[in-house]
Amino acid sequence: MPARGVAPSTPDAPVNFRRFRFASPTGLTGRGVVSEALRRGLARGARTKRFDWSLVPFILVPVLLLLISGWVALYGEGGAWHAERLRDEVARTQRQLAEQREVNARLAGEVERLRNDERTVRRAVGEDLGLVEPGSTVFRFPSATVSGR
């Protein structure tokens, strides 16, 4: 029989933990460590120490800072939401710019024709000012309106 406090030499031999005296990680010592741990509730996950409230600021402050910085990164000035709105506005402005460039090109062509083509000048004077050349016959038609008949 092995000496008291020494484990049996064969690895297959059953071990009776109540016979041995040793220090456990939970701080319990003496005979019957397992039964004493069960009696105190440590094996079931019971707490041995009360909550240390002095650590709350060290936990709460970084969490709040992370939440605030995340909110600012998403919704603040220069955040993701603001950047998306600016991208939409840039795209809309570029579409308007392309439309205005088309209008400007059309008007520049008309100005060039008015400067160089006499027939275009006569047509514009007749349409815009209602003037005609002497000896011309003018036909006026009533404007097309929808009547109730």
N, C-alpha and C. Protein backbone atom coordinates (compact mmCIF):
# COMPACT_ATOMS: atom_id res chain seq x y z
N MET A 1 0.85 -1.17 0.00
CA MET A 1 0.00 0.00 0.00
C MET A 1 0.89 1.23 0.00
N PRO A 2 0.57 2.21 -0.86
CA PRO A 2 1.40 3.41 -0.91
C PRO A 2 1.26 4.24 0.35
N ALA A 3 2.23 5.11 0.52
CA ALA A 3 2.22 5.98 1.69
C ALA A 3 1.09 6.98 1.59
N ARG A 4 0.71 7.49 2.75
CA ARG A 4 -0.39 8.45 2.81
C ARG A 4 0.00 9.72 2.04
N GLY A 5 -0.90 10.20 1.09
CA GLY A 5 -0.65 11.41 0.33
C GLY A 5 0.09 11.16 -0.96
N VAL A 6 0.38 9.90 -1.28
CA VAL A 6 1.09 9.57 -2.51
C VAL A 6 0.15 8.77 -3.38
N ALA A 7 0.15 9.07 -4.64
CA ALA A 7 -0.75 8.39 -5.56
C ALA A 7 -0.26 6.98 -5.80
N PRO A 8 -1.19 6.05 -6.13
CA PRO A 8 -0.77 4.68 -6.42
C PRO A 8 0.13 4.65 -7.65
N SER A 9 0.97 3.62 -7.76
CA SER A 9 1.96 3.58 -8.82
C SER A 9 1.36 3.15 -10.14
N THR A 10 0.28 2.43 -10.16
CA THR A 10 -0.30 1.99 -11.41
C THR A 10 -1.31 3.02 -11.89
N PRO A 11 -1.26 3.35 -13.19
CA PRO A 11 -2.17 4.38 -13.69
C PRO A 11 -3.61 3.92 -13.76
N ASP A 12 -3.85 2.61 -13.76
CA ASP A 12 -5.22 2.13 -13.88
C ASP A 12 -5.92 2.02 -12.54
N ALA A 13 -5.19 2.16 -11.46
CA ALA A 13 -5.78 2.01 -10.13
C ALA A 13 -6.72 3.17 -9.85
N PRO A 14 -7.88 2.89 -9.27
CA PRO A 14 -8.80 3.98 -8.93
C PRO A 14 -8.19 4.85 -7.83
N VAL A 15 -8.49 6.14 -7.92
CA VAL A 15 -7.93 7.09 -6.96
C VAL A 15 -9.06 7.60 -6.09
N ASN A 16 -8.85 7.56 -4.80
CA ASN A 16 -9.83 8.08 -3.86
C ASN A 16 -9.32 9.45 -3.42
N PHE A 17 -9.91 10.50 -3.97
CA PHE A 17 -9.41 11.85 -3.69
C PHE A 17 -9.64 12.27 -2.25
N ARG A 18 -10.53 11.61 -1.55
CA ARG A 18 -10.80 12.01 -0.17
C ARG A 18 -9.63 11.63 0.76
N ARG A 19 -8.78 10.75 0.33
CA ARG A 19 -7.65 10.32 1.16
C ARG A 19 -6.48 11.27 1.10
N PHE A 20 -6.38 12.08 0.02
CA PHE A 20 -5.18 12.86 -0.19
C PHE A 20 -5.34 14.28 0.31
N ARG A 21 -4.24 14.82 0.80
CA ARG A 21 -4.24 16.22 1.22
C ARG A 21 -3.42 16.98 0.20
N PHE A 22 -4.04 17.97 -0.47
CA PHE A 22 -3.31 18.81 -1.42
C PHE A 22 -4.02 20.15 -1.54
N ALA A 23 -3.32 21.13 -2.09
CA ALA A 23 -3.90 22.46 -2.27
C ALA A 23 -4.54 22.52 -3.66
N SER A 24 -5.75 22.99 -3.71
CA SER A 24 -6.44 23.09 -5.00
C SER A 24 -6.36 24.53 -5.50
N PRO A 25 -6.65 24.75 -6.80
CA PRO A 25 -6.60 26.11 -7.34
C PRO A 25 -7.61 27.05 -6.69
N THR A 26 -8.65 26.50 -6.07
CA THR A 26 -9.67 27.36 -5.45
C THR A 26 -9.27 27.78 -4.05
N GLY A 27 -8.14 27.26 -3.57
CA GLY A 27 -7.70 27.65 -2.23
C GLY A 27 -8.16 26.71 -1.15
N LEU A 28 -8.89 25.66 -1.51
CA LEU A 28 -9.34 24.68 -0.52
C LEU A 28 -8.22 23.68 -0.26
N THR A 29 -8.02 23.33 0.98
CA THR A 29 -7.00 22.33 1.32
C THR A 29 -7.60 21.34 2.30
N GLY A 30 -6.95 20.21 2.38
CA GLY A 30 -7.36 19.24 3.40
C GLY A 30 -8.07 18.05 2.82
N ARG A 31 -8.54 17.23 3.76
CA ARG A 31 -9.20 16.00 3.37
C ARG A 31 -10.54 16.29 2.71
N GLY A 32 -10.84 15.52 1.68
CA GLY A 32 -12.14 15.65 1.03
C GLY A 32 -12.32 16.96 0.30
N VAL A 33 -11.35 17.32 -0.55
CA VAL A 33 -11.40 18.59 -1.27
C VAL A 33 -12.61 18.64 -2.19
N VAL A 34 -12.89 17.56 -2.87
CA VAL A 34 -14.01 17.54 -3.81
C VAL A 34 -15.32 17.71 -3.08
N SER A 35 -15.51 16.99 -1.98
CA SER A 35 -16.77 17.11 -1.25
C SER A 35 -16.89 18.50 -0.62
N GLU A 36 -15.77 19.06 -0.17
CA GLU A 36 -15.82 20.41 0.40
C GLU A 36 -16.17 21.44 -0.66
N ALA A 37 -15.61 21.25 -1.88
CA ALA A 37 -15.93 22.16 -2.98
C ALA A 37 -17.41 22.07 -3.33
N LEU A 38 -17.93 20.86 -3.34
CA LEU A 38 -19.36 20.69 -3.61
C LEU A 38 -20.20 21.33 -2.52
N ARG A 39 -19.77 21.17 -1.27
CA ARG A 39 -20.52 21.75 -0.15
C ARG A 39 -20.56 23.27 -0.25
N ARG A 40 -19.46 23.88 -0.67
CA ARG A 40 -19.42 25.34 -0.79
C ARG A 40 -20.09 25.83 -2.07
N GLY A 41 -20.37 24.95 -3.00
CA GLY A 41 -21.04 25.36 -4.22
C GLY A 41 -20.10 25.76 -5.33
N LEU A 42 -18.82 25.53 -5.18
CA LEU A 42 -17.86 25.95 -6.20
C LEU A 42 -17.99 25.12 -7.47
N ALA A 43 -18.30 23.86 -7.34
CA ALA A 43 -18.42 23.01 -8.51
C ALA A 43 -19.63 23.39 -9.35
N ARG A 44 -20.62 24.01 -8.76
CA ARG A 44 -21.82 24.42 -9.49
C ARG A 44 -21.68 25.83 -10.07
N GLY A 45 -20.55 26.49 -9.92
CA GLY A 45 -20.31 27.80 -10.51
C GLY A 45 -20.66 28.95 -9.59
N ALA A 46 -20.76 28.71 -8.29
CA ALA A 46 -21.06 29.80 -7.37
C ALA A 46 -19.87 30.74 -7.28
N ARG A 47 -20.14 32.01 -7.02
CA ARG A 47 -19.06 33.01 -6.94
C ARG A 47 -18.45 32.99 -5.55
N THR A 48 -17.13 33.17 -5.54
CA THR A 48 -16.44 33.23 -4.25
C THR A 48 -16.12 34.66 -3.88
N LYS A 49 -16.26 35.59 -4.86
CA LYS A 49 -15.87 36.97 -4.60
C LYS A 49 -16.99 37.89 -5.09
N ARG A 50 -17.24 38.95 -4.40
CA ARG A 50 -18.26 39.91 -4.81
C ARG A 50 -17.75 40.73 -5.99
N PHE A 51 -18.67 41.32 -6.74
CA PHE A 51 -18.31 42.14 -7.90
C PHE A 51 -17.55 43.37 -7.45
N ASP A 52 -16.48 43.69 -8.15
CA ASP A 52 -15.65 44.84 -7.81
C ASP A 52 -16.14 46.05 -8.61
N TRP A 53 -16.92 46.90 -7.99
CA TRP A 53 -17.52 48.06 -8.66
C TRP A 53 -16.49 49.11 -9.05
N SER A 54 -15.29 49.05 -8.52
CA SER A 54 -14.27 50.03 -8.88
C SER A 54 -13.79 49.84 -10.32
N LEU A 55 -14.09 48.69 -10.92
CA LEU A 55 -13.70 48.43 -12.30
C LEU A 55 -14.70 48.95 -13.32
N VAL A 56 -15.88 49.37 -12.88
CA VAL A 56 -16.93 49.81 -13.80
C VAL A 56 -16.47 50.97 -14.68
N PRO A 57 -15.83 52.02 -14.16
CA PRO A 57 -15.40 53.09 -15.06
C PRO A 57 -14.41 52.62 -16.12
N PHE A 58 -13.57 51.65 -15.79
CA PHE A 58 -12.60 51.15 -16.75
C PHE A 58 -13.25 50.30 -17.84
N ILE A 59 -14.44 49.83 -17.59
CA ILE A 59 -15.19 49.07 -18.59
C ILE A 59 -16.17 49.97 -19.32
N LEU A 60 -16.88 50.78 -18.57
CA LEU A 60 -17.95 51.60 -19.13
C LEU A 60 -17.43 52.73 -20.02
N VAL A 61 -16.38 53.40 -19.64
CA VAL A 61 -15.86 54.54 -20.40
C VAL A 61 -15.38 54.10 -21.79
N PRO A 62 -14.58 53.05 -21.93
CA PRO A 62 -14.18 52.64 -23.29
C PRO A 62 -15.37 52.19 -24.15
N VAL A 63 -16.33 51.51 -23.53
CA VAL A 63 -17.51 51.08 -24.30
C VAL A 63 -18.28 52.30 -24.80
N LEU A 64 -18.47 53.29 -23.94
CA LEU A 64 -19.18 54.51 -24.36
C LEU A 64 -18.40 55.25 -25.44
N LEU A 65 -17.09 55.31 -25.31
CA LEU A 65 -16.27 55.97 -26.33
C LEU A 65 -16.38 55.25 -27.67
N LEU A 66 -16.39 53.94 -27.65
CA LEU A 66 -16.55 53.18 -28.89
C LEU A 66 -17.91 53.43 -29.52
N LEU A 67 -18.95 53.46 -28.71
CA LEU A 67 -20.30 53.71 -29.23
C LEU A 67 -20.41 55.11 -29.83
N ILE A 68 -19.88 56.09 -29.14
CA ILE A 68 -19.95 57.47 -29.64
C ILE A 68 -19.13 57.63 -30.91
N SER A 69 -17.93 57.07 -30.93
CA SER A 69 -17.11 57.21 -32.14
C SER A 69 -17.73 56.46 -33.31
N GLY A 70 -18.37 55.33 -33.06
CA GLY A 70 -19.07 54.61 -34.12
C GLY A 70 -20.23 55.41 -34.66
N TRP A 71 -20.99 56.06 -33.77
CA TRP A 71 -22.12 56.88 -34.21
C TRP A 71 -21.62 58.05 -35.05
N VAL A 72 -20.56 58.70 -34.61
CA VAL A 72 -20.01 59.83 -35.37
C VAL A 72 -19.48 59.37 -36.72
N ALA A 73 -18.84 58.19 -36.75
CA ALA A 73 -18.30 57.68 -38.01
C ALA A 73 -19.41 57.37 -39.01
N LEU A 74 -20.57 56.96 -38.51
CA LEU A 74 -21.67 56.63 -39.42
C LEU A 74 -22.54 57.83 -39.76
N TYR A 75 -22.92 58.60 -38.74
CA TYR A 75 -23.95 59.62 -38.94
C TYR A 75 -23.46 61.05 -38.77
N GLY A 76 -22.27 61.26 -38.29
CA GLY A 76 -21.78 62.62 -38.06
C GLY A 76 -21.34 63.31 -39.34
N GLU A 77 -20.93 64.56 -39.20
CA GLU A 77 -20.42 65.32 -40.34
C GLU A 77 -19.17 64.61 -40.86
N GLY A 78 -19.18 64.26 -42.13
CA GLY A 78 -18.07 63.53 -42.71
C GLY A 78 -18.18 62.04 -42.52
N GLY A 79 -19.30 61.57 -41.97
CA GLY A 79 -19.50 60.14 -41.76
C GLY A 79 -19.96 59.44 -43.03
N ALA A 80 -20.21 58.16 -42.91
CA ALA A 80 -20.59 57.34 -44.06
C ALA A 80 -21.91 57.80 -44.67
N TRP A 81 -22.89 58.11 -43.83
CA TRP A 81 -24.19 58.54 -44.34
C TRP A 81 -24.06 59.89 -45.06
N HIS A 82 -23.31 60.80 -44.49
CA HIS A 82 -23.10 62.11 -45.10
C HIS A 82 -22.34 61.96 -46.42
N ALA A 83 -21.35 61.09 -46.45
CA ALA A 83 -20.59 60.86 -47.69
C ALA A 83 -21.48 60.28 -48.78
N GLU A 84 -22.40 59.40 -48.42
CA GLU A 84 -23.32 58.83 -49.40
C GLU A 84 -24.25 59.90 -49.97
N ARG A 85 -24.74 60.79 -49.11
CA ARG A 85 -25.57 61.91 -49.59
C ARG A 85 -24.78 62.81 -50.53
N LEU A 86 -23.52 63.08 -50.21
CA LEU A 86 -22.69 63.91 -51.07
C LEU A 86 -22.43 63.24 -52.42
N ARG A 87 -22.23 61.91 -52.42
CA ARG A 87 -22.05 61.19 -53.69
C ARG A 87 -23.30 61.30 -54.55
N ASP A 88 -24.46 61.18 -53.95
CA ASP A 88 -25.72 61.32 -54.70
C ASP A 88 -25.84 62.73 -55.27
N GLU A 89 -25.49 63.72 -54.47
CA GLU A 89 -25.58 65.10 -54.93
C GLU A 89 -24.59 65.37 -56.07
N VAL A 90 -23.39 64.82 -55.99
CA VAL A 90 -22.40 64.99 -57.06
C VAL A 90 -22.91 64.35 -58.35
N ALA A 91 -23.49 63.16 -58.24
CA ALA A 91 -24.02 62.47 -59.44
C ALA A 91 -25.15 63.28 -60.06
N ARG A 92 -26.04 63.82 -59.23
CA ARG A 92 -27.16 64.64 -59.74
C ARG A 92 -26.62 65.92 -60.40
N THR A 93 -25.64 66.54 -59.80
CA THR A 93 -25.06 67.76 -60.37
C THR A 93 -24.35 67.47 -61.69
N GLN A 94 -23.69 66.32 -61.78
CA GLN A 94 -23.02 65.97 -63.03
C GLN A 94 -24.03 65.71 -64.15
N ARG A 95 -25.18 65.10 -63.82
CA ARG A 95 -26.23 64.92 -64.83
C ARG A 95 -26.77 66.26 -65.31
N GLN A 96 -27.00 67.18 -64.36
CA GLN A 96 -27.49 68.51 -64.74
C GLN A 96 -26.45 69.23 -65.60
N LEU A 97 -25.19 69.09 -65.26
CA LEU A 97 -24.12 69.72 -66.03
C LEU A 97 -24.09 69.18 -67.46
N ALA A 98 -24.25 67.87 -67.62
CA ALA A 98 -24.26 67.28 -68.96
C ALA A 98 -25.45 67.81 -69.77
N GLU A 99 -26.61 67.93 -69.13
CA GLU A 99 -27.79 68.47 -69.82
C GLU A 99 -27.55 69.92 -70.24
N GLN A 100 -26.98 70.73 -69.37
CA GLN A 100 -26.73 72.13 -69.69
C GLN A 100 -25.69 72.28 -70.80
N ARG A 101 -24.72 71.39 -70.83
CA ARG A 101 -23.73 71.43 -71.91
C ARG A 101 -24.38 71.12 -73.26
N GLU A 102 -25.33 70.18 -73.27
CA GLU A 102 -26.06 69.89 -74.51
C GLU A 102 -26.86 71.11 -74.96
N VAL A 103 -27.53 71.76 -74.01
CA VAL A 103 -28.31 72.97 -74.34
C VAL A 103 -27.38 74.05 -74.87
N ASN A 104 -26.24 74.24 -74.21
CA ASN A 104 -25.29 75.26 -74.64
C ASN A 104 -24.76 74.97 -76.04
N ALA A 105 -24.49 73.70 -76.34
CA ALA A 105 -23.99 73.34 -77.68
C ALA A 105 -25.06 73.64 -78.73
N ARG A 106 -26.32 73.30 -78.42
CA ARG A 106 -27.41 73.58 -79.37
C ARG A 106 -27.56 75.08 -79.60
N LEU A 107 -27.53 75.86 -78.52
CA LEU A 107 -27.66 77.32 -78.65
C LEU A 107 -26.46 77.93 -79.36
N ALA A 108 -25.26 77.42 -79.11
CA ALA A 108 -24.08 77.93 -79.81
C ALA A 108 -24.20 77.66 -81.31
N GLY A 109 -24.73 76.51 -81.69
CA GLY A 109 -24.95 76.21 -83.11
C GLY A 109 -25.96 77.16 -83.72
N GLU A 110 -27.03 77.46 -82.99
CA GLU A 110 -28.04 78.39 -83.50
C GLU A 110 -27.47 79.80 -83.65
N VAL A 111 -26.65 80.22 -82.70
CA VAL A 111 -26.01 81.54 -82.80
C VAL A 111 -25.11 81.59 -84.02
N GLU A 112 -24.36 80.53 -84.25
CA GLU A 112 -23.47 80.48 -85.41
C GLU A 112 -24.27 80.55 -86.71
N ARG A 113 -25.38 79.84 -86.78
CA ARG A 113 -26.21 79.89 -87.99
C ARG A 113 -26.81 81.28 -88.19
N LEU A 114 -27.23 81.92 -87.07
CA LEU A 114 -27.80 83.26 -87.20
C LEU A 114 -26.76 84.27 -87.67
N ARG A 115 -25.51 84.07 -87.32
CA ARG A 115 -24.46 84.99 -87.74
C ARG A 115 -24.08 84.78 -89.21
N ASN A 116 -24.17 83.56 -89.72
CA ASN A 116 -23.62 83.25 -91.04
C ASN A 116 -24.67 82.94 -92.11
N ASP A 117 -25.87 82.57 -91.78
CA ASP A 117 -26.85 82.12 -92.75
C ASP A 117 -28.00 83.13 -92.82
N GLU A 118 -28.16 83.77 -93.99
CA GLU A 118 -29.19 84.81 -94.14
C GLU A 118 -30.59 84.21 -94.09
N ARG A 119 -30.78 83.02 -94.62
CA ARG A 119 -32.09 82.40 -94.61
C ARG A 119 -32.54 82.10 -93.17
N THR A 120 -31.62 81.71 -92.30
CA THR A 120 -31.94 81.45 -90.90
C THR A 120 -32.34 82.74 -90.20
N VAL A 121 -31.66 83.85 -90.56
CA VAL A 121 -32.00 85.15 -89.97
C VAL A 121 -33.42 85.54 -90.38
N ARG A 122 -33.79 85.37 -91.66
CA ARG A 122 -35.13 85.74 -92.12
C ARG A 122 -36.20 84.90 -91.43
N ARG A 123 -35.92 83.62 -91.29
CA ARG A 123 -36.89 82.75 -90.62
C ARG A 123 -37.07 83.19 -89.16
N ALA A 124 -35.98 83.50 -88.45
CA ALA A 124 -36.06 83.90 -87.05
C ALA A 124 -36.80 85.22 -86.90
N VAL A 125 -36.57 86.17 -87.80
CA VAL A 125 -37.26 87.47 -87.74
C VAL A 125 -38.75 87.26 -87.98
N GLY A 126 -39.10 86.41 -88.94
CA GLY A 126 -40.51 86.17 -89.22
C GLY A 126 -41.21 85.47 -88.07
N GLU A 127 -40.55 84.50 -87.46
CA GLU A 127 -41.18 83.74 -86.37
C GLU A 127 -41.23 84.53 -85.08
N ASP A 128 -40.13 85.17 -84.73
CA ASP A 128 -40.05 85.82 -83.42
C ASP A 128 -40.70 87.20 -83.41
N LEU A 129 -40.48 87.99 -84.45
CA LEU A 129 -40.97 89.36 -84.45
C LEU A 129 -42.24 89.55 -85.29
N GLY A 130 -42.59 88.57 -86.11
CA GLY A 130 -43.78 88.67 -86.95
C GLY A 130 -43.58 89.57 -88.16
N LEU A 131 -42.35 89.86 -88.55
CA LEU A 131 -42.06 90.70 -89.71
C LEU A 131 -41.96 89.83 -90.96
N VAL A 132 -42.39 90.40 -92.12
CA VAL A 132 -42.29 89.70 -93.40
C VAL A 132 -41.68 90.63 -94.43
N GLU A 133 -41.17 90.06 -95.49
CA GLU A 133 -40.60 90.87 -96.56
C GLU A 133 -41.73 91.50 -97.38
N PRO A 134 -41.46 92.65 -97.98
CA PRO A 134 -42.51 93.27 -98.79
C PRO A 134 -42.88 92.36 -99.97
N GLY A 135 -44.15 92.25 -100.24
CA GLY A 135 -44.66 91.44 -101.34
C GLY A 135 -44.92 90.00 -100.94
N SER A 136 -44.68 89.62 -99.72
CA SER A 136 -44.92 88.25 -99.28
C SER A 136 -46.36 88.12 -98.81
N THR A 137 -46.91 86.95 -98.97
CA THR A 137 -48.26 86.66 -98.50
C THR A 137 -48.15 85.84 -97.22
N VAL A 138 -48.87 86.28 -96.22
CA VAL A 138 -48.83 85.61 -94.92
C VAL A 138 -50.15 84.90 -94.69
N PHE A 139 -50.08 83.65 -94.37
CA PHE A 139 -51.26 82.87 -94.03
C PHE A 139 -51.25 82.63 -92.52
N ARG A 140 -52.34 82.98 -91.89
CA ARG A 140 -52.45 82.76 -90.42
C ARG A 140 -53.56 81.75 -90.17
N PHE A 141 -53.24 80.77 -89.40
CA PHE A 141 -54.20 79.75 -89.06
C PHE A 141 -54.51 79.86 -87.57
N PRO A 142 -55.75 79.59 -87.22
CA PRO A 142 -56.06 79.64 -85.77
C PRO A 142 -55.29 78.52 -85.06
N SER A 143 -54.96 78.81 -83.86
CA SER A 143 -54.20 77.80 -83.10
C SER A 143 -55.10 76.61 -82.84
N ALA A 144 -54.49 75.47 -82.79
CA ALA A 144 -55.26 74.25 -82.59
C ALA A 144 -55.60 74.12 -81.12
N THR A 145 -56.90 74.29 -80.85
CA THR A 145 -57.39 74.12 -79.47
C THR A 145 -58.45 73.06 -79.48
N VAL A 146 -58.61 72.41 -78.37
CA VAL A 146 -59.61 71.36 -78.25
C VAL A 146 -60.93 72.02 -77.87
N SER A 147 -61.93 71.77 -78.69
CA SER A 147 -63.24 72.37 -78.41
C SER A 147 -64.16 71.28 -77.88
N GLY A 148 -65.26 71.70 -77.37
CA GLY A 148 -66.22 70.79 -76.75
C GLY A 148 -67.08 70.09 -77.77
N ARG A 149 -66.98 70.38 -79.08
CA ARG A 149 -67.86 69.74 -80.08
C ARG A 149 -67.41 68.40 -80.46
